[in-house]
PDB file of all heavy atoms in Angstrom:
ATOM      1  N   THR A   1       2.129  -5.396 -13.326  1.00  0.00           N
ATOM      2  CA  THR A   1       2.991  -4.713 -12.370  1.00  0.00           C
ATOM      3  C   THR A   1       2.224  -3.575 -11.699  1.00  0.00           C
ATOM      4  O   THR A   1       2.306  -3.367 -10.498  1.00  0.00           O
ATOM      5  CB  THR A   1       4.228  -4.150 -13.057  1.00  0.00           C
ATOM      6  OG1 THR A   1       4.862  -5.248 -13.723  1.00  0.00           O
ATOM      7  CG2 THR A   1       5.166  -3.528 -12.105  1.00  0.00           C
ATOM      8  N   THR A   2       1.466  -2.842 -12.495  1.00  0.00           N
ATOM      9  CA  THR A   2       0.670  -1.745 -11.958  1.00  0.00           C
ATOM     10  C   THR A   2      -0.376  -2.232 -10.958  1.00  0.00           C
ATOM     11  O   THR A   2      -0.560  -1.662  -9.885  1.00  0.00           O
ATOM     12  CB  THR A   2      -0.048  -0.987 -13.103  1.00  0.00           C
ATOM     13  OG1 THR A   2       0.919  -0.615 -14.073  1.00  0.00           O
ATOM     14  CG2 THR A   2      -0.784   0.233 -12.611  1.00  0.00           C
ATOM     15  N   THR A   3      -1.032  -3.320 -11.313  1.00  0.00           N
ATOM     16  CA  THR A   3      -2.062  -3.876 -10.432  1.00  0.00           C
ATOM     17  C   THR A   3      -1.470  -4.396  -9.123  1.00  0.00           C
ATOM     18  O   THR A   3      -2.016  -4.117  -8.040  1.00  0.00           O
ATOM     19  CB  THR A   3      -2.801  -5.045 -11.148  1.00  0.00           C
ATOM     20  OG1 THR A   3      -3.350  -4.530 -12.394  1.00  0.00           O
ATOM     21  CG2 THR A   3      -3.917  -5.588 -10.297  1.00  0.00           C
ATOM     22  N   VAL A   4      -0.349  -5.084  -9.222  1.00  0.00           N
ATOM     23  CA  VAL A   4       0.313  -5.624  -8.028  1.00  0.00           C
ATOM     24  C   VAL A   4       0.772  -4.448  -7.142  1.00  0.00           C
ATOM     25  O   VAL A   4       0.605  -4.480  -5.902  1.00  0.00           O
ATOM     26  CB  VAL A   4       1.469  -6.529  -8.397  1.00  0.00           C
ATOM     27  CG1 VAL A   4       2.314  -6.873  -7.156  1.00  0.00           C
ATOM     28  CG2 VAL A   4       0.956  -7.819  -9.033  1.00  0.00           C
ATOM     29  N   GLY A   5       1.383  -3.440  -7.731  1.00  0.00           N
ATOM     30  CA  GLY A   5       1.844  -2.304  -6.978  1.00  0.00           C
ATOM     31  C   GLY A   5       0.745  -1.572  -6.252  1.00  0.00           C
ATOM     32  O   GLY A   5       0.890  -1.218  -5.059  1.00  0.00           O
ATOM     33  N   THR A   6      -0.386  -1.383  -6.940  1.00  0.00           N
ATOM     34  CA  THR A   6      -1.524  -0.721  -6.320  1.00  0.00           C
ATOM     35  C   THR A   6      -2.101  -1.570  -5.195  1.00  0.00           C
ATOM     36  O   THR A   6      -2.421  -1.057  -4.115  1.00  0.00           O
ATOM     37  CB  THR A   6      -2.627  -0.455  -7.363  1.00  0.00           C
ATOM     38  OG1 THR A   6      -2.065   0.373  -8.413  1.00  0.00           O
ATOM     39  CG2 THR A   6      -3.826   0.225  -6.771  1.00  0.00           C
ATOM     40  N   THR A   7      -2.215  -2.859  -5.412  1.00  0.00           N
ATOM     41  CA  THR A   7      -2.743  -3.763  -4.386  1.00  0.00           C
ATOM     42  C   THR A   7      -1.840  -3.752  -3.140  1.00  0.00           C
ATOM     43  O   THR A   7      -2.324  -3.690  -2.019  1.00  0.00           O
ATOM     44  CB  THR A   7      -2.870  -5.195  -4.946  1.00  0.00           C
ATOM     45  OG1 THR A   7      -3.713  -5.168  -6.101  1.00  0.00           O
ATOM     46  CG2 THR A   7      -3.452  -6.124  -3.934  1.00  0.00           C
ATOM     47  N   MET A   8      -0.526  -3.840  -3.370  1.00  0.00           N
ATOM     48  CA  MET A   8       0.401  -3.809  -2.245  1.00  0.00           C
ATOM     49  C   MET A   8       0.336  -2.491  -1.476  1.00  0.00           C
ATOM     50  O   MET A   8       0.323  -2.445  -0.237  1.00  0.00           O
ATOM     51  CB  MET A   8       1.842  -4.070  -2.724  1.00  0.00           C
ATOM     52  CG  MET A   8       2.083  -5.476  -3.170  1.00  0.00           C
ATOM     53  SD  MET A   8       3.691  -5.724  -3.943  1.00  0.00           S
ATOM     54  CE  MET A   8       4.777  -5.275  -2.596  1.00  0.00           C
ATOM     55  N   SER A   9       0.259  -1.410  -2.205  1.00  0.00           N
ATOM     56  CA  SER A   9       0.172  -0.083  -1.600  1.00  0.00           C
ATOM     57  C   SER A   9      -1.104   0.054  -0.765  1.00  0.00           C
ATOM     58  O   SER A   9      -1.080   0.537   0.379  1.00  0.00           O
ATOM     59  CB  SER A   9       0.233   0.997  -2.694  1.00  0.00           C
ATOM     60  OG  SER A   9       0.050   2.268  -2.126  1.00  0.00           O
ATOM     61  N   ASP A  10      -2.243  -0.386  -1.331  1.00  0.00           N
ATOM     62  CA  ASP A  10      -3.499  -0.318  -0.577  1.00  0.00           C
ATOM     63  C   ASP A  10      -3.470  -1.223   0.647  1.00  0.00           C
ATOM     64  O   ASP A  10      -3.970  -0.818   1.710  1.00  0.00           O
ATOM     65  CB  ASP A  10      -4.671  -0.760  -1.489  1.00  0.00           C
ATOM     66  CG  ASP A  10      -4.980   0.302  -2.542  1.00  0.00           C
ATOM     67  OD1 ASP A  10      -4.506   1.450  -2.414  1.00  0.00           O
ATOM     68  OD2 ASP A  10      -5.746  -0.014  -3.501  1.00  0.00           O
ATOM     69  N   PHE A  11      -2.866  -2.391   0.521  1.00  0.00           N
ATOM     70  CA  PHE A  11      -2.767  -3.307   1.653  1.00  0.00           C
ATOM     71  C   PHE A  11      -1.962  -2.693   2.799  1.00  0.00           C
ATOM     72  O   PHE A  11      -2.369  -2.690   3.943  1.00  0.00           O
ATOM     73  CB  PHE A  11      -2.162  -4.645   1.246  1.00  0.00           C
ATOM     74  CG  PHE A  11      -1.941  -5.589   2.352  1.00  0.00           C
ATOM     75  CD1 PHE A  11      -2.999  -6.259   2.949  1.00  0.00           C
ATOM     76  CD2 PHE A  11      -0.653  -5.824   2.856  1.00  0.00           C
ATOM     77  CE1 PHE A  11      -2.780  -7.143   4.018  1.00  0.00           C
ATOM     78  CE2 PHE A  11      -0.434  -6.711   3.908  1.00  0.00           C
ATOM     79  CZ  PHE A  11      -1.509  -7.362   4.501  1.00  0.00           C
ATOM     80  N   LEU A  12      -0.782  -2.115   2.453  1.00  0.00           N
ATOM     81  CA  LEU A  12       0.055  -1.506   3.472  1.00  0.00           C
ATOM     82  C   LEU A  12      -0.606  -0.262   4.111  1.00  0.00           C
ATOM     83  O   LEU A  12      -0.575  -0.104   5.323  1.00  0.00           O
ATOM     84  CB  LEU A  12       1.396  -1.130   2.856  1.00  0.00           C
ATOM     85  CG  LEU A  12       2.328  -2.234   2.425  1.00  0.00           C
ATOM     86  CD1 LEU A  12       3.537  -1.684   1.645  1.00  0.00           C
ATOM     87  CD2 LEU A  12       2.788  -3.054   3.598  1.00  0.00           C
ATOM     88  N   ASP A  13      -1.243   0.505   3.276  1.00  0.00           N
ATOM     89  CA  ASP A  13      -1.857   1.754   3.758  1.00  0.00           C
ATOM     90  C   ASP A  13      -3.147   1.505   4.532  1.00  0.00           C
ATOM     91  O   ASP A  13      -3.322   1.966   5.655  1.00  0.00           O
ATOM     92  CB  ASP A  13      -2.096   2.714   2.597  1.00  0.00           C
ATOM     93  CG  ASP A  13      -2.772   3.969   3.038  1.00  0.00           C
ATOM     94  OD1 ASP A  13      -2.340   4.568   4.039  1.00  0.00           O
ATOM     95  OD2 ASP A  13      -3.720   4.406   2.361  1.00  0.00           O
ATOM     96  N   ARG A  14      -4.051   0.752   3.921  1.00  0.00           N
ATOM     97  CA  ARG A  14      -5.386   0.642   4.497  1.00  0.00           C
ATOM     98  C   ARG A  14      -5.560  -0.511   5.485  1.00  0.00           C
ATOM     99  O   ARG A  14      -6.212  -0.356   6.505  1.00  0.00           O
ATOM    100  CB  ARG A  14      -6.408   0.506   3.382  1.00  0.00           C
ATOM    101  CG  ARG A  14      -6.446   1.737   2.493  1.00  0.00           C
ATOM    102  CD  ARG A  14      -7.377   1.570   1.345  1.00  0.00           C
ATOM    103  NE  ARG A  14      -7.310   2.789   0.492  1.00  0.00           N
ATOM    104  CZ  ARG A  14      -7.735   2.818  -0.740  1.00  0.00           C
ATOM    105  NH1 ARG A  14      -8.320   1.772  -1.239  1.00  0.00           N
ATOM    106  NH2 ARG A  14      -7.650   3.923  -1.458  1.00  0.00           N
ATOM    107  N   THR A  15      -4.974  -1.657   5.145  1.00  0.00           N
ATOM    108  CA  THR A  15      -5.122  -2.832   6.027  1.00  0.00           C
ATOM    109  C   THR A  15      -4.164  -2.797   7.198  1.00  0.00           C
ATOM    110  O   THR A  15      -4.575  -2.993   8.348  1.00  0.00           O
ATOM    111  CB  THR A  15      -4.925  -4.122   5.230  1.00  0.00           C
ATOM    112  OG1 THR A  15      -5.831  -4.124   4.108  1.00  0.00           O
ATOM    113  CG2 THR A  15      -5.215  -5.337   6.109  1.00  0.00           C
ATOM    114  N   LEU A  16      -2.908  -2.530   6.934  1.00  0.00           N
ATOM    115  CA  LEU A  16      -1.917  -2.501   8.007  1.00  0.00           C
ATOM    116  C   LEU A  16      -1.795  -1.125   8.649  1.00  0.00           C
ATOM    117  O   LEU A  16      -1.047  -0.979   9.618  1.00  0.00           O
ATOM    118  CB  LEU A  16      -0.538  -2.939   7.463  1.00  0.00           C
ATOM    119  CG  LEU A  16      -0.484  -4.389   6.927  1.00  0.00           C
ATOM    120  CD1 LEU A  16       0.924  -4.693   6.430  1.00  0.00           C
ATOM    121  CD2 LEU A  16      -0.965  -5.385   7.979  1.00  0.00           C
ATOM    122  N   LYS A  17      -2.466  -0.124   8.093  1.00  0.00           N
ATOM    123  CA  LYS A  17      -2.513   1.240   8.627  1.00  0.00           C
ATOM    124  C   LYS A  17      -1.128   1.874   8.690  1.00  0.00           C
ATOM    125  O   LYS A  17      -0.787   2.615   9.616  1.00  0.00           O
ATOM    126  CB  LYS A  17      -3.167   1.268  10.019  1.00  0.00           C
ATOM    127  CG  LYS A  17      -4.507   0.606  10.131  1.00  0.00           C
ATOM    128  CD  LYS A  17      -5.544   1.462   9.489  1.00  0.00           C
ATOM    129  CE  LYS A  17      -6.905   0.845   9.798  1.00  0.00           C
ATOM    130  NZ  LYS A  17      -7.892   1.043   8.803  1.00  0.00           N
ATOM    131  N   PHE A  18      -0.299   1.607   7.682  1.00  0.00           N
ATOM    132  CA  PHE A  18       1.056   2.180   7.646  1.00  0.00           C
ATOM    133  C   PHE A  18       1.024   3.667   7.254  1.00  0.00           C
ATOM    134  O   PHE A  18       1.962   4.384   7.570  1.00  0.00           O
ATOM    135  CB  PHE A  18       1.921   1.426   6.635  1.00  0.00           C
ATOM    136  CG  PHE A  18       2.519   0.166   7.132  1.00  0.00           C
ATOM    137  CD1 PHE A  18       2.045  -0.461   8.287  1.00  0.00           C
ATOM    138  CD2 PHE A  18       3.537  -0.462   6.433  1.00  0.00           C
ATOM    139  CE1 PHE A  18       2.583  -1.644   8.764  1.00  0.00           C
ATOM    140  CE2 PHE A  18       4.104  -1.642   6.875  1.00  0.00           C
ATOM    141  CZ  PHE A  18       3.618  -2.245   8.028  1.00  0.00           C
ATOM    142  N   GLY A  19       0.033   4.075   6.550  1.00  0.00           N
ATOM    143  CA  GLY A  19       0.000   5.470   6.034  1.00  0.00           C
ATOM    144  C   GLY A  19       0.805   5.521   4.744  1.00  0.00           C
ATOM    145  O   GLY A  19       1.565   4.634   4.377  1.00  0.00           O
ATOM    146  N   TYR A  20       0.640   6.658   4.038  1.00  0.00           N
ATOM    147  CA  TYR A  20       1.288   6.823   2.719  1.00  0.00           C
ATOM    148  C   TYR A  20       2.819   6.854   2.820  1.00  0.00           C
ATOM    149  O   TYR A  20       3.528   6.233   2.033  1.00  0.00           O
ATOM    150  CB  TYR A  20       0.780   8.078   2.012  1.00  0.00           C
ATOM    151  CG  TYR A  20      -0.605   7.941   1.530  1.00  0.00           C
ATOM    152  CD1 TYR A  20      -1.597   8.881   1.903  1.00  0.00           C
ATOM    153  CD2 TYR A  20      -1.012   6.934   0.676  1.00  0.00           C
ATOM    154  CE1 TYR A  20      -2.884   8.762   1.451  1.00  0.00           C
ATOM    155  CE2 TYR A  20      -2.311   6.828   0.224  1.00  0.00           C
ATOM    156  CZ  TYR A  20      -3.239   7.757   0.621  1.00  0.00           C
ATOM    157  OH  TYR A  20      -4.529   7.641   0.153  1.00  0.00           O
ATOM    158  N   VAL A  21       3.328   7.577   3.813  1.00  0.00           N
ATOM    159  CA  VAL A  21       4.797   7.747   3.886  1.00  0.00           C
ATOM    160  C   VAL A  21       5.476   6.423   4.197  1.00  0.00           C
ATOM    161  O   VAL A  21       6.413   6.012   3.502  1.00  0.00           O
ATOM    162  CB  VAL A  21       5.143   8.811   4.936  1.00  0.00           C
ATOM    163  CG1 VAL A  21       6.680   8.869   5.148  1.00  0.00           C
ATOM    164  CG2 VAL A  21       4.577  10.160   4.555  1.00  0.00           C
ATOM    165  N   LEU A  22       5.044   5.707   5.220  1.00  0.00           N
ATOM    166  CA  LEU A  22       5.663   4.456   5.586  1.00  0.00           C
ATOM    167  C   LEU A  22       5.457   3.383   4.477  1.00  0.00           C
ATOM    168  O   LEU A  22       6.367   2.623   4.185  1.00  0.00           O
ATOM    169  CB  LEU A  22       5.158   3.930   6.933  1.00  0.00           C
ATOM    170  CG  LEU A  22       5.786   2.665   7.477  1.00  0.00           C
ATOM    171  CD1 LEU A  22       7.314   2.829   7.566  1.00  0.00           C
ATOM    172  CD2 LEU A  22       5.207   2.277   8.800  1.00  0.00           C
ATOM    173  N   SER A  23       4.248   3.394   3.885  1.00  0.00           N
ATOM    174  CA  SER A  23       3.998   2.451   2.768  1.00  0.00           C
ATOM    175  C   SER A  23       5.004   2.715   1.621  1.00  0.00           C
ATOM    176  O   SER A  23       5.532   1.767   1.009  1.00  0.00           O
ATOM    177  CB  SER A  23       2.584   2.608   2.258  1.00  0.00           C
ATOM    178  OG  SER A  23       1.649   2.229   3.256  1.00  0.00           O
ATOM    179  N   SER A  24       5.208   3.984   1.318  1.00  0.00           N
ATOM    180  CA  SER A  24       6.141   4.339   0.214  1.00  0.00           C
ATOM    181  C   SER A  24       7.568   3.885   0.551  1.00  0.00           C
ATOM    182  O   SER A  24       8.272   3.382  -0.296  1.00  0.00           O
ATOM    183  CB  SER A  24       6.126   5.854  -0.030  1.00  0.00           C
ATOM    184  OG  SER A  24       4.857   6.252  -0.465  1.00  0.00           O
TER     185      SER A  24
END
């Protein structure tokens, strides 16, 4: 669960450029 959550967060933030707030 931790790995999936981190991967999803990184994908939203870094790949899709959502930023931390929108990713959260």
